[in-house]
Amino acid sequence: MKLRELAHSRTGDKGNTLNVSVICYDPRHYEHLRRELSADRVKLHLREVVRGDVVRYELPHLAAFNFVLGDALGGGVTRSLALDAHGKSLSSALMSLEIADLP
């Protein structure tokens, strides 16, 4: 199943760093996504764009995760030649991640 079936996403940027939040539609799916969405897995999925470290922050009371993606915006908004210098499309790319079906 695709991640987008269980969660939605928001992004924000600061310089060359991108934050991608993954928010469960249903809090009951949080533990499943906690097992499926490691920082390493997110970095592997976005490896063509993310050059730096990926750090995962868990927000269980919100049934959400925040991923901080370093060196992900081609130098930052004012330096990047990318069509999406703010990285908004990376949230859509992350939502296409294939995850295990719910148990």
PDB file of N, CA and C in Angstrom:
ATOM      1  N   MET A   1       0.837  -1.169   0.000  1.00  0.00           N
ATOM      2  CA  MET A   1       0.000   0.000   0.000  1.00  0.00           C
ATOM      3  C   MET A   1       0.887   1.240   0.000  1.00  0.00           C
ATOM      4  N   LYS A   2       0.367   2.325  -0.472  1.00  0.00           N
ATOM      5  CA  LYS A   2       1.094   3.595  -0.497  1.00  0.00           C
ATOM      6  C   LYS A   2       0.888   4.335   0.826  1.00  0.00           C
ATOM      7  N   LEU A   3       1.911   5.038   1.257  1.00  0.00           N
ATOM      8  CA  LEU A   3       1.841   5.823   2.479  1.00  0.00           C
ATOM      9  C   LEU A   3       0.645   6.771   2.457  1.00  0.00           C
ATOM     10  N   ARG A   4       0.328   7.333   1.295  1.00  0.00           N
ATOM     11  CA  ARG A   4      -0.780   8.300   1.188  1.00  0.00           C
ATOM     12  C   ARG A   4      -2.132   7.717   1.589  1.00  0.00           C
ATOM     13  N   GLU A   5      -2.234   6.398   1.663  1.00  0.00           N
ATOM     14  CA  GLU A   5      -3.489   5.783   2.075  1.00  0.00           C
ATOM     15  C   GLU A   5      -3.731   5.911   3.582  1.00  0.00           C
ATOM     16  N   LEU A   6      -2.652   6.152   4.357  1.00  0.00           N
ATOM     17  CA  LEU A   6      -2.772   6.239   5.813  1.00  0.00           C
ATOM     18  C   LEU A   6      -2.424   7.610   6.369  1.00  0.00           C
ATOM     19  N   ALA A   7      -1.831   8.473   5.546  1.00  0.00           N
ATOM     20  CA  ALA A   7      -1.343   9.744   6.084  1.00  0.00           C
ATOM     21  C   ALA A   7      -1.326  10.826   5.013  1.00  0.00           C
ATOM     22  N   HIS A   8      -1.226  12.052   5.482  1.00  0.00           N
ATOM     23  CA  HIS A   8      -1.012  13.182   4.583  1.00  0.00           C
ATOM     24  C   HIS A   8       0.243  13.899   5.058  1.00  0.00           C
ATOM     25  N   SER A   9       0.652  14.934   4.337  1.00  0.00           N
ATOM     26  CA  SER A   9       1.936  15.549   4.612  1.00  0.00           C
ATOM     27  C   SER A   9       1.892  17.059   4.447  1.00  0.00           C
ATOM     28  N   ARG A  10       2.799  17.720   5.147  1.00  0.00           N
ATOM     29  CA  ARG A  10       3.019  19.164   5.020  1.00  0.00           C
ATOM     30  C   ARG A  10       4.533  19.374   4.981  1.00  0.00           C
ATOM     31  N   THR A  11       4.955  20.462   4.349  1.00  0.00           N
ATOM     32  CA  THR A  11       6.391  20.746   4.297  1.00  0.00           C
ATOM     33  C   THR A  11       6.675  22.182   4.706  1.00  0.00           C
ATOM     34  N   GLY A  12       7.915  22.410   5.048  1.00  0.00           N
ATOM     35  CA  GLY A  12       8.404  23.748   5.335  1.00  0.00           C
ATOM     36  C   GLY A  12       9.904  23.762   5.068  1.00  0.00           C
ATOM     37  N   ASP A  13      10.437  24.902   4.728  1.00  0.00           N
ATOM     38  CA  ASP A  13      11.862  24.967   4.414  1.00  0.00           C
ATOM     39  C   ASP A  13      12.528  26.103   5.154  1.00  0.00           C
ATOM     40  N   LYS A  14      13.815  25.934   5.375  1.00  0.00           N
ATOM     41  CA  LYS A  14      14.666  26.976   5.953  1.00  0.00           C
ATOM     42  C   LYS A  14      16.048  26.755   5.362  1.00  0.00           C
ATOM     43  N   GLY A  15      16.443  27.663   4.509  1.00  0.00           N
ATOM     44  CA  GLY A  15      17.739  27.501   3.852  1.00  0.00           C
ATOM     45  C   GLY A  15      17.745  26.263   2.981  1.00  0.00           C
ATOM     46  N   ASN A  16      18.701  25.384   3.225  1.00  0.00           N
ATOM     47  CA  ASN A  16      18.861  24.167   2.444  1.00  0.00           C
ATOM     48  C   ASN A  16      18.280  22.952   3.168  1.00  0.00           C
ATOM     49  N   THR A  17      17.473  23.202   4.192  1.00  0.00           N
ATOM     50  CA  THR A  17      16.887  22.138   5.006  1.00  0.00           C
ATOM     51  C   THR A  17      15.379  22.114   4.797  1.00  0.00           C
ATOM     52  N   LEU A  18      14.837  20.924   4.654  1.00  0.00           N
ATOM     53  CA  LEU A  18      13.402  20.751   4.441  1.00  0.00           C
ATOM     54  C   LEU A  18      12.816  19.946   5.589  1.00  0.00           C
ATOM     55  N   ASN A  19      11.692  20.401   6.125  1.00  0.00           N
ATOM     56  CA  ASN A  19      10.902  19.634   7.091  1.00  0.00           C
ATOM     57  C   ASN A  19       9.730  19.024   6.344  1.00  0.00           C
ATOM     58  N   VAL A  20       9.530  17.730   6.555  1.00  0.00           N
ATOM     59  CA  VAL A  20       8.374  17.051   5.986  1.00  0.00           C
ATOM     60  C   VAL A  20       7.640  16.375   7.135  1.00  0.00           C
ATOM     61  N   SER A  21       6.424  16.811   7.378  1.00  0.00           N
ATOM     62  CA  SER A  21       5.583  16.191   8.401  1.00  0.00           C
ATOM     63  C   SER A  21       4.713  15.135   7.756  1.00  0.00           C
ATOM     64  N   VAL A  22       4.578  14.016   8.438  1.00  0.00           N
ATOM     65  CA  VAL A  22       3.691  12.937   8.018  1.00  0.00           C
ATOM     66  C   VAL A  22       2.663  12.781   9.130  1.00  0.00           C
ATOM     67  N   ILE A  23       1.389  12.985   8.800  1.00  0.00           N
ATOM     68  CA  ILE A  23       0.324  13.017   9.790  1.00  0.00           C
ATOM     69  C   ILE A  23      -0.686  11.912   9.479  1.00  0.00           C
ATOM     70  N   CYS A  24      -0.894  11.031  10.434  1.00  0.00           N
ATOM     71  CA  CYS A  24      -1.840   9.922  10.249  1.00  0.00           C
ATOM     72  C   CYS A  24      -3.263  10.452  10.132  1.00  0.00           C
ATOM     73  N   TYR A  25      -4.016   9.884   9.217  1.00  0.00           N
ATOM     74  CA  TYR A  25      -5.448  10.184   9.155  1.00  0.00           C
ATOM     75  C   TYR A  25      -6.149   9.648  10.395  1.00  0.00           C
ATOM     76  N   ASP A  26      -5.718   8.463  10.820  1.00  0.00           N
ATOM     77  CA  ASP A  26      -6.316   7.796  11.973  1.00  0.00           C
ATOM     78  C   ASP A  26      -5.200   7.499  12.980  1.00  0.00           C
ATOM     79  N   PRO A  27      -5.302   7.993  14.196  1.00  0.00           N
ATOM     80  CA  PRO A  27      -4.245   7.760  15.196  1.00  0.00           C
ATOM     81  C   PRO A  27      -3.942   6.280  15.442  1.00  0.00           C
ATOM     82  N   ARG A  28      -4.879   5.407  15.142  1.00  0.00           N
ATOM     83  CA  ARG A  28      -4.623   3.967  15.324  1.00  0.00           C
ATOM     84  C   ARG A  28      -3.530   3.450  14.397  1.00  0.00           C
ATOM     85  N   HIS A  29      -3.208   4.187  13.343  1.00  0.00           N
ATOM     86  CA  HIS A  29      -2.183   3.746  12.388  1.00  0.00           C
ATOM     87  C   HIS A  29      -0.782   4.241  12.745  1.00  0.00           C
ATOM     88  N   TYR A  30      -0.676   5.009  13.804  1.00  0.00           N
ATOM     89  CA  TYR A  30       0.615   5.607  14.184  1.00  0.00           C
ATOM     90  C   TYR A  30       1.701   4.540  14.407  1.00  0.00           C
ATOM     91  N   GLU A  31       1.403   3.520  15.185  1.00  0.00           N
ATOM     92  CA  GLU A  31       2.424   2.497  15.482  1.00  0.00           C
ATOM     93  C   GLU A  31       2.865   1.754  14.228  1.00  0.00           C
ATOM     94  N   HIS A  32       1.932   1.506  13.339  1.00  0.00           N
ATOM     95  CA  HIS A  32       2.292   0.847  12.078  1.00  0.00           C
ATOM     96  C   HIS A  32       3.266   1.730  11.296  1.00  0.00           C
ATOM     97  N   LEU A  33       2.954   3.009  11.196  1.00  0.00           N
ATOM     98  CA  LEU A  33       3.852   3.914  10.472  1.00  0.00           C
ATOM     99  C   LEU A  33       5.159   4.117  11.223  1.00  0.00           C
ATOM    100  N   ARG A  34       5.118   4.059  12.528  1.00  0.00           N
ATOM    101  CA  ARG A  34       6.356   4.169  13.318  1.00  0.00           C
ATOM    102  C   ARG A  34       7.332   3.051  12.947  1.00  0.00           C
ATOM    103  N   ARG A  35       6.792   1.856  12.711  1.00  0.00           N
ATOM    104  CA  ARG A  35       7.639   0.727  12.308  1.00  0.00           C
ATOM    105  C   ARG A  35       8.103   0.854  10.857  1.00  0.00           C
ATOM    106  N   GLU A  36       7.278   1.415  10.009  1.00  0.00           N
ATOM    107  CA  GLU A  36       7.555   1.468   8.569  1.00  0.00           C
ATOM    108  C   GLU A  36       8.426   2.657   8.142  1.00  0.00           C
ATOM    109  N   LEU A  37       8.344   3.779   8.842  1.00  0.00           N
ATOM    110  CA  LEU A  37       8.965   5.027   8.386  1.00  0.00           C
ATOM    111  C   LEU A  37      10.205   5.390   9.195  1.00  0.00           C
ATOM    112  N   SER A  38      11.274   4.712   8.956  1.00  0.00           N
ATOM    113  CA  SER A  38      12.529   5.093   9.612  1.00  0.00           C
ATOM    114  C   SER A  38      13.175   6.243   8.837  1.00  0.00           C
ATOM    115  N   ALA A  39      14.073   6.939   9.488  1.00  0.00           N
ATOM    116  CA  ALA A  39      14.811   8.005   8.802  1.00  0.00           C
ATOM    117  C   ALA A  39      15.595   7.437   7.623  1.00  0.00           C
ATOM    118  N   ASP A  40      16.182   6.258   7.809  1.00  0.00           N
ATOM    119  CA  ASP A  40      16.947   5.636   6.719  1.00  0.00           C
ATOM    120  C   ASP A  40      16.060   5.298   5.527  1.00  0.00           C
ATOM    121  N   ARG A  41      14.859   4.841   5.811  1.00  0.00           N
ATOM    122  CA  ARG A  41      13.939   4.482   4.723  1.00  0.00           C
ATOM    123  C   ARG A  41      13.494   5.722   3.948  1.00  0.00           C
ATOM    124  N   VAL A  42      13.233   6.812   4.662  1.00  0.00           N
ATOM    125  CA  VAL A  42      12.859   8.063   4.001  1.00  0.00           C
ATOM    126  C   VAL A  42      14.023   8.566   3.150  1.00  0.00           C
ATOM    127  N   LYS A  43      15.228   8.513   3.703  1.00  0.00           N
ATOM    128  CA  LYS A  43      16.396   8.978   2.940  1.00  0.00           C
ATOM    129  C   LYS A  43      16.599   8.130   1.684  1.00  0.00           C
ATOM    130  N   LEU A  44      16.445   6.833   1.800  1.00  0.00           N
ATOM    131  CA  LEU A  44      16.588   5.954   0.636  1.00  0.00           C
ATOM    132  C   LEU A  44      15.540   6.280  -0.422  1.00  0.00           C
ATOM    133  N   HIS A  45      14.316   6.505  -0.009  1.00  0.00           N
ATOM    134  CA  HIS A  45      13.235   6.798  -0.949  1.00  0.00           C
ATOM    135  C   HIS A  45      13.466   8.128  -1.677  1.00  0.00           C
ATOM    136  N   LEU A  46      14.064   9.096  -0.990  1.00  0.00           N
ATOM    137  CA  LEU A  46      14.284  10.428  -1.575  1.00  0.00           C
ATOM    138  C   LEU A  46      15.754  10.662  -1.937  1.00  0.00           C
ATOM    139  N   ARG A  47      16.478   9.594  -2.145  1.00  0.00           N
ATOM    140  CA  ARG A  47      17.934   9.661  -2.343  1.00  0.00           C
ATOM    141  C   ARG A  47      18.385  10.498  -3.538  1.00  0.00           C
ATOM    142  N   GLU A  48      17.528  10.660  -4.521  1.00  0.00           N
ATOM    143  CA  GLU A  48      17.908  11.457  -5.690  1.00  0.00           C
ATOM    144  C   GLU A  48      17.981  12.948  -5.371  1.00  0.00           C
ATOM    145  N   VAL A  49      17.362  13.368  -4.286  1.00  0.00           N
ATOM    146  CA  VAL A  49      17.287  14.791  -3.945  1.00  0.00           C
ATOM    147  C   VAL A  49      17.973  15.104  -2.623  1.00  0.00           C
ATOM    148  N   VAL A  50      17.793  14.245  -1.636  1.00  0.00           N
ATOM    149  CA  VAL A  50      18.317  14.513  -0.288  1.00  0.00           C
ATOM    150  C   VAL A  50      19.764  14.055  -0.205  1.00  0.00           C
ATOM    151  N   ARG A  51      20.649  15.000   0.013  1.00  0.00           N
ATOM    152  CA  ARG A  51      22.088  14.710   0.078  1.00  0.00           C
ATOM    153  C   ARG A  51      22.620  14.627   1.506  1.00  0.00           C
ATOM    154  N   GLY A  52      21.894  15.177   2.451  1.00  0.00           N
ATOM    155  CA  GLY A  52      22.352  15.210   3.840  1.00  0.00           C
ATOM    156  C   GLY A  52      21.644  14.186   4.703  1.00  0.00           C
ATOM    157  N   ASP A  53      21.772  14.392   5.998  1.00  0.00           N
ATOM    158  CA  ASP A  53      21.159  13.497   6.971  1.00  0.00           C
ATOM    159  C   ASP A  53      19.648  13.681   7.007  1.00  0.00           C
ATOM    160  N   VAL A  54      18.972  12.637   7.425  1.00  0.00           N
ATOM    161  CA  VAL A  54      17.534  12.683   7.685  1.00  0.00           C
ATOM    162  C   VAL A  54      17.342  12.311   9.147  1.00  0.00           C
ATOM    163  N   VAL A  55      16.623  13.154   9.868  1.00  0.00           N
ATOM    164  CA  VAL A  55      16.334  12.909  11.281  1.00  0.00           C
ATOM    165  C   VAL A  55      14.822  12.818  11.442  1.00  0.00           C
ATOM    166  N   ARG A  56      14.374  11.806  12.189  1.00  0.00           N
ATOM    167  CA  ARG A  56      12.936  11.631  12.442  1.00  0.00           C
ATOM    168  C   ARG A  56      12.616  12.048  13.876  1.00  0.00           C
ATOM    169  N   TYR A  57      11.595  12.861  14.000  1.00  0.00           N
ATOM    170  CA  TYR A  57      11.063  13.238  15.300  1.00  0.00           C
ATOM    171  C   TYR A  57       9.668  12.640  15.410  1.00  0.00           C
ATOM    172  N   GLU A  58       9.394  11.982  16.529  1.00  0.00           N
ATOM    173  CA  GLU A  58       8.108  11.343  16.746  1.00  0.00           C
ATOM    174  C   GLU A  58       7.202  12.256  17.565  1.00  0.00           C
ATOM    175  N   LEU A  59       5.959  12.363  17.146  1.00  0.00           N
ATOM    176  CA  LEU A  59       4.957  13.180  17.826  1.00  0.00           C
ATOM    177  C   LEU A  59       3.726  12.308  18.081  1.00  0.00           C
ATOM    178  N   PRO A  60       3.824  11.369  19.030  1.00  0.00           N
ATOM    179  CA  PRO A  60       2.742  10.397  19.223  1.00  0.00           C
ATOM    180  C   PRO A  60       1.414  11.025  19.618  1.00  0.00           C
ATOM    181  N   HIS A  61       1.416  12.104  20.373  1.00  0.00           N
ATOM    182  CA  HIS A  61       0.148  12.729  20.777  1.00  0.00           C
ATOM    183  C   HIS A  61      -0.577  13.365  19.595  1.00  0.00           C
ATOM    184  N   LEU A  62       0.169  13.638  18.527  1.00  0.00           N
ATOM    185  CA  LEU A  62      -0.431  14.187  17.306  1.00  0.00           C
ATOM    186  C   LEU A  62      -0.586  13.119  16.222  1.00  0.00           C
ATOM    187  N   ALA A  63      -0.117  11.907  16.516  1.00  0.00           N
ATOM    188  CA  ALA A  63      -0.089  10.823  15.527  1.00  0.00           C
ATOM    189  C   ALA A  63       0.642  11.293  14.268  1.00  0.00           C
ATOM    190  N   ALA A  64       1.832  11.857  14.495  1.00  0.00           N
ATOM    191  CA  ALA A  64       2.588  12.448  13.386  1.00  0.00           C
ATOM    192  C   ALA A  64       4.088  12.248  13.580  1.00  0.00           C
ATOM    193  N   PHE A  65       4.802  12.492  12.512  1.00  0.00           N
ATOM    194  CA  PHE A  65       6.264  12.461  12.501  1.00  0.00           C
ATOM    195  C   PHE A  65       6.741  13.708  11.787  1.00  0.00           C
ATOM    196  N   ASN A  66       7.893  14.191  12.183  1.00  0.00           N
ATOM    197  CA  ASN A  66       8.522  15.289  11.449  1.00  0.00           C
ATOM    198  C   ASN A  66       9.897  14.800  11.017  1.00  0.00           C
ATOM    199  N   PHE A  67      10.146  14.850   9.727  1.00  0.00           N
ATOM    200  CA  PHE A  67      11.438  14.471   9.180  1.00  0.00           C
ATOM    201  C   PHE A  67      12.169  15.738   8.771  1.00  0.00           C
ATOM    202  N   VAL A  68      13.407  15.877   9.242  1.00  0.00           N
ATOM    203  CA  VAL A  68      14.243  17.012   8.873  1.00  0.00           C
ATOM    204  C   VAL A  68      15.262  16.479   7.870  1.00  0.00           C
ATOM    205  N   LEU A  69      15.183  17.009   6.655  1.00  0.00           N
ATOM    206  CA  LEU A  69      16.008  16.543   5.541  1.00  0.00           C
ATOM    207  C   LEU A  69      17.090  17.578   5.253  1.00  0.00           C
ATOM    208  N   GLY A  70      18.331  17.225   5.539  1.00  0.00           N
ATOM    209  CA  GLY A  70      19.435  18.145   5.317  1.00  0.00           C
ATOM    210  C   GLY A  70      19.919  18.124   3.880  1.00  0.00           C
ATOM    211  N   ASP A  71      20.451  19.240   3.440  1.00  0.00           N
ATOM    212  CA  ASP A  71      21.000  19.375   2.087  1.00  0.00           C
ATOM    213  C   ASP A  71      20.023  18.805   1.053  1.00  0.00           C
ATOM    214  N   ALA A  72      18.790  19.315   1.109  1.00  0.00           N
ATOM    215  CA  ALA A  72      17.717  18.757   0.291  1.00  0.00           C
ATOM    216  C   ALA A  72      17.161  19.729  -0.737  1.00  0.00           C
ATOM    217  N   LEU A  73      17.634  20.976  -0.735  1.00  0.00           N
ATOM    218  CA  LEU A  73      16.997  21.982  -1.594  1.00  0.00           C
ATOM    219  C   LEU A  73      17.967  22.626  -2.583  1.00  0.00           C
ATOM    220  N   GLY A  74      18.995  21.901  -2.957  1.00  0.00           N
ATOM    221  CA  GLY A  74      19.916  22.410  -3.966  1.00  0.00           C
ATOM    222  C   GLY A  74      20.605  23.710  -3.568  1.00  0.00           C
ATOM    223  N   GLY A  75      20.854  23.877  -2.289  1.00  0.00           N
ATOM    224  CA  GLY A  75      21.530  25.085  -1.806  1.00  0.00           C
ATOM    225  C   GLY A  75      20.595  26.064  -1.123  1.00  0.00           C
ATOM    226  N   GLY A  76      19.305  25.859  -1.251  1.00  0.00           N
ATOM    227  CA  GLY A  76      18.336  26.763  -0.638  1.00  0.00           C
ATOM    228  C   GLY A  76      17.555  27.530  -1.690  1.00  0.00           C
ATOM    229  N   VAL A  77      16.469  28.135  -1.274  1.00  0.00           N
ATOM    230  CA  VAL A  77      15.536  28.786  -2.186  1.00  0.00           C
ATOM    231  C   VAL A  77      16.206  29.848  -3.058  1.00  0.00           C
ATOM    232  N   THR A  78      17.072  30.646  -2.471  1.00  0.00           N
ATOM    233  CA  THR A  78      17.685  31.730  -3.242  1.00  0.00           C
ATOM    234  C   THR A  78      18.843  31.270  -4.114  1.00  0.00           C
ATOM    235  N   ARG A  79      19.303  30.023  -3.945  1.00  0.00           N
ATOM    236  CA  ARG A  79      20.439  29.531  -4.713  1.00  0.00           C
ATOM    237  C   ARG A  79      20.079  28.423  -5.698  1.00  0.00           C
ATOM    238  N   SER A  80      18.991  27.746  -5.458  1.00  0.00           N
ATOM    239  CA  SER A  80      18.639  26.571  -6.240  1.00  0.00           C
ATOM    240  C   SER A  80      18.095  26.940  -7.621  1.00  0.00           C
ATOM    241  N   LEU A  81      18.432  26.118  -8.587  1.00  0.00           N
ATOM    242  CA  LEU A  81      17.870  26.239  -9.928  1.00  0.00           C
ATOM    243  C   LEU A  81      16.720  25.257 -10.130  1.00  0.00           C
ATOM    244  N   ALA A  82      16.349  24.550  -9.070  1.00  0.00           N
ATOM    245  CA  ALA A  82      15.274  23.567  -9.160  1.00  0.00           C
ATOM    246  C   ALA A  82      13.930  24.253  -9.408  1.00  0.00           C
ATOM    247  N   LEU A  83      13.056  23.572 -10.111  1.00  0.00           N
ATOM    248  CA  LEU A  83      11.717  24.108 -10.349  1.00  0.00           C
ATOM    249  C   LEU A  83      10.929  24.229  -9.052  1.00  0.00           C
ATOM    250  N   ASP A  84      11.208  23.363  -8.096  1.00  0.00           N
ATOM    251  CA  ASP A  84      10.531  23.383  -6.801  1.00  0.00           C
ATOM    252  C   ASP A  84      11.568  23.689  -5.720  1.00  0.00           C
ATOM    253  N   ALA A  85      12.042  24.896  -5.677  1.00  0.00           N
ATOM    254  CA  ALA A  85      13.104  25.272  -4.745  1.00  0.00           C
ATOM    255  C   ALA A  85      12.678  25.158  -3.288  1.00  0.00           C
ATOM    256  N   HIS A  86      11.382  25.221  -3.004  1.00  0.00           N
ATOM    257  CA  HIS A  86      10.880  25.080  -1.631  1.00  0.00           C
ATOM    258  C   HIS A  86      10.699  23.625  -1.223  1.00  0.00           C
ATOM    259  N   GLY A  87      10.766  22.702  -2.149  1.00  0.00           N
ATOM    260  CA  GLY A  87      10.665  21.279  -1.838  1.00  0.00           C
ATOM    261  C   GLY A  87       9.267  20.775  -1.563  1.00  0.00           C
ATOM    262  N   LYS A  88       8.243  21.523  -1.943  1.00  0.00           N
ATOM    263  CA  LYS A  88       6.864  21.096  -1.658  1.00  0.00           C
ATOM    264  C   LYS A  88       6.529  19.763  -2.334  1.00  0.00           C
ATOM    265  N   SER A  89       7.087  19.525  -3.496  1.00  0.00           N
ATOM    266  CA  SER A  89       6.769  18.281  -4.201  1.00  0.00           C
ATOM    267  C   SER A  89       7.385  17.057  -3.526  1.00  0.00           C
ATOM    268  N   LEU A  90       8.363  17.258  -2.649  1.00  0.00           N
ATOM    269  CA  LEU A  90       8.949  16.106  -1.960  1.00  0.00           C
ATOM    270  C   LEU A  90       7.947  15.451  -1.012  1.00  0.00           C
ATOM    271  N   SER A  91       6.983  16.210  -0.513  1.00  0.00           N
ATOM    272  CA  SER A  91       5.960  15.575   0.322  1.00  0.00           C
ATOM    273  C   SER A  91       5.131  14.606  -0.517  1.00  0.00           C
ATOM    274  N   SER A  92       4.820  14.980  -1.743  1.00  0.00           N
ATOM    275  CA  SER A  92       4.093  14.066  -2.637  1.00  0.00           C
ATOM    276  C   SER A  92       4.947  12.857  -2.975  1.00  0.00           C
ATOM    277  N   ALA A  93       6.229  13.080  -3.189  1.00  0.00           N
ATOM    278  CA  ALA A  93       7.129  11.963  -3.482  1.00  0.00           C
ATOM    279  C   ALA A  93       7.186  11.000  -2.297  1.00  0.00           C
ATOM    280  N   LEU A  94       7.239  11.536  -1.092  1.00  0.00           N
ATOM    281  CA  LEU A  94       7.267  10.678   0.086  1.00  0.00           C
ATOM    282  C   LEU A  94       5.956   9.900   0.233  1.00  0.00           C
ATOM    283  N   MET A  95       4.840  10.517  -0.100  1.00  0.00           N
ATOM    284  CA  MET A  95       3.543   9.850   0.021  1.00  0.00           C
ATOM    285  C   MET A  95       3.417   8.666  -0.933  1.00  0.00           C
ATOM    286  N   SER A  96       4.298   8.574  -1.928  1.00  0.00           N
ATOM    287  CA  SER A  96       4.270   7.434  -2.848  1.00  0.00           C
ATOM    288  C   SER A  96       5.080   6.246  -2.327  1.00  0.00           C
ATOM    289  N   LEU A  97       5.683   6.390  -1.153  1.00  0.00           N
ATOM    290  CA  LEU A  97       6.457   5.303  -0.558  1.00  0.00           C
ATOM    291  C   LEU A  97       5.565   4.086  -0.336  1.00  0.00           C
ATOM    292  N   GLU A  98       6.037   2.946  -0.750  1.00  0.00           N
ATOM    293  CA  GLU A  98       5.310   1.696  -0.575  1.00  0.00           C
ATOM    294  C   GLU A  98       5.581   1.173   0.831  1.00  0.00           C
ATOM    295  N   ILE A  99       4.515   0.946   1.595  1.00  0.00           N
ATOM    296  CA  ILE A  99       4.648   0.419   2.954  1.00  0.00           C
ATOM    297  C   ILE A  99       3.858  -0.880   3.067  1.00  0.00           C
ATOM    298  N   ALA A 100       4.138  -1.610   4.134  1.00  0.00           N
ATOM    299  CA  ALA A 100       3.427  -2.872   4.367  1.00  0.00           C
ATOM    300  C   ALA A 100       1.957  -2.598   4.653  1.00  0.00           C
ATOM    301  N   ASP A 101       1.118  -3.509   4.225  1.00  0.00           N
ATOM    302  CA  ASP A 101      -0.307  -3.416   4.527  1.00  0.00           C
ATOM    303  C   ASP A 101      -0.527  -3.475   6.032  1.00  0.00           C
ATOM    304  N   LEU A 102      -1.621  -2.913   6.475  1.00  0.00           N
ATOM    305  CA  LEU A 102      -1.976  -2.983   7.890  1.00  0.00           C
ATOM    306  C   LEU A 102      -2.157  -4.439   8.302  1.00  0.00           C
ATOM    307  N   PRO A 103      -1.726  -4.756   9.529  1.00  0.00           N
ATOM    308  CA  PRO A 103      -1.894  -6.152   9.992  1.00  0.00           C
ATOM    309  C   PRO A 103      -3.359  -6.503  10.184  1.00  0.00           C
TER     310      PRO A 103
END
